[in-house]
Amino acid sequence: MSTDETPYICECDFCEQGLLRFRSCPECEAICAVCDECELIWEDVAEVSDDPSVKAASAYPRCPVCGAKEKGWPALDFEEIQDAELEDYISEDSV
């Protein structure tokens, strides 16, 4: 999964190298936090934002919501994050 310039939630507490970005499952459109380095997935954006050490729910490309193994999860831009009412979870460092 490539690194991009989209807003992120926090640094990955697991690999300590990546950033957790807002991505959506191409199958069910669930919005999750996905590390752009180790590719772990957190289903609950609010929970991982509050506690980056919380256990991941899945690993790319398996969606923790629907179980699909679709590749190519799109990253959400700022407007899409706002539309999903998740802007409070954007790291101040990524704005």
Protein backbone atom coordinates (compact mmCIF):
# COMPACT_ATOMS: atom_id res chain seq x y z
CA MET A 1 0.00 0.00 0.00
CA SER A 2 1.53 3.27 -1.01
CA THR A 3 2.13 6.25 1.23
CA ASP A 4 0.20 9.33 0.19
CA GLU A 5 -0.51 12.82 1.39
CA THR A 6 -4.04 12.23 2.65
CA PRO A 7 -4.95 13.15 6.24
CA TYR A 8 -4.00 10.65 8.90
CA ILE A 9 -5.22 9.71 12.36
CA CYS A 10 -2.00 8.96 14.25
CA GLU A 11 1.27 7.11 14.03
CA CYS A 12 1.06 3.31 14.03
CA ASP A 13 1.86 2.05 17.52
CA PHE A 14 2.49 -1.46 16.18
CA CYS A 15 5.20 -0.89 13.55
CA GLU A 16 6.18 2.62 14.70
CA GLN A 17 6.94 3.53 11.08
CA GLY A 18 3.60 4.09 9.38
CA LEU A 19 0.66 6.42 9.67
CA LEU A 20 -2.94 5.32 10.16
CA ARG A 21 -4.97 6.74 7.29
CA PHE A 22 -8.68 6.79 6.58
CA ARG A 23 -9.48 4.17 3.93
CA SER A 24 -12.70 2.58 2.78
CA CYS A 25 -13.37 -1.04 1.90
CA PRO A 26 -14.17 -1.28 -1.82
CA GLU A 27 -16.77 -3.97 -1.08
CA CYS A 28 -18.86 -2.58 1.83
CA GLU A 29 -17.46 1.00 1.96
CA ALA A 30 -16.71 0.73 5.70
CA ILE A 31 -14.26 3.43 6.78
CA CYS A 32 -11.33 2.06 8.75
CA ALA A 33 -7.88 3.15 9.89
CA VAL A 34 -5.17 1.41 7.85
CA CYS A 35 -1.43 1.67 8.48
CA ASP A 36 0.34 2.76 5.30
CA GLU A 37 3.42 0.76 6.33
CA CYS A 38 2.48 -2.55 8.03
CA GLU A 39 -1.07 -2.65 6.57
CA LEU A 40 -2.90 -3.51 9.80
CA ILE A 41 -6.53 -2.37 9.93
CA TRP A 42 -8.55 -0.91 12.80
CA GLU A 43 -12.31 -0.97 12.38
CA ASP A 44 -13.01 1.69 15.02
CA VAL A 45 -11.34 4.97 14.04
CA ALA A 46 -12.36 6.67 17.31
CA GLU A 47 -10.95 3.88 19.46
CA VAL A 48 -7.54 3.78 17.76
CA SER A 49 -7.39 7.57 17.77
CA ASP A 50 -7.91 7.57 21.55
CA ASP A 51 -5.57 4.61 22.16
CA PRO A 52 -3.08 3.81 19.36
CA SER A 53 -1.99 0.67 21.23
CA VAL A 54 -5.41 -1.00 20.83
CA LYS A 55 -5.23 -4.33 18.97
CA ALA A 56 -5.85 -4.22 15.21
CA ALA A 57 -9.00 -5.90 13.90
CA SER A 58 -7.53 -7.27 10.66
CA ALA A 59 -4.75 -7.00 8.11
CA TYR A 60 -4.95 -5.68 4.56
CA PRO A 61 -6.77 -6.62 2.41
CA ARG A 62 -9.31 -8.43 4.67
CA CYS A 63 -12.06 -6.05 5.75
CA PRO A 64 -12.87 -6.39 9.46
CA VAL A 65 -16.51 -5.45 8.74
CA CYS A 66 -17.55 -7.61 5.77
CA GLY A 67 -14.62 -10.04 5.52
CA ALA A 68 -13.96 -9.28 1.84
CA LYS A 69 -10.39 -9.55 0.58
CA GLU A 70 -10.58 -6.76 -1.99
CA LYS A 71 -7.40 -4.88 -2.78
CA GLY A 72 -7.25 -1.21 -3.68
CA TRP A 73 -8.81 0.45 -0.64
CA PRO A 74 -9.14 4.13 -1.56
CA ALA A 75 -7.80 6.74 0.84
CA LEU A 76 -10.28 9.38 1.89
CA ASP A 77 -9.54 13.02 1.26
CA PHE A 78 -10.43 15.78 3.71
CA GLU A 79 -13.87 16.38 2.19
CA GLU A 80 -14.79 12.68 2.35
CA ILE A 81 -13.62 12.53 5.97
CA GLN A 82 -15.82 15.54 6.76
CA ASP A 83 -18.80 13.94 5.00
CA ALA A 84 -18.34 10.86 7.21
CA GLU A 85 -18.18 13.16 10.27
CA LEU A 86 -14.72 11.86 11.20
CA GLU A 87 -12.78 15.13 10.96
CA ASP A 88 -12.29 15.21 14.75
CA TYR A 89 -9.96 12.21 14.37
CA ILE A 90 -7.57 13.87 11.92
CA SER A 91 -4.17 14.43 13.49
CA GLU A 92 -3.28 18.11 13.87
CA ASP A 93 0.10 17.26 12.32
CA SER A 94 -1.51 16.16 9.05
CA VAL A 95 -3.47 19.34 8.37
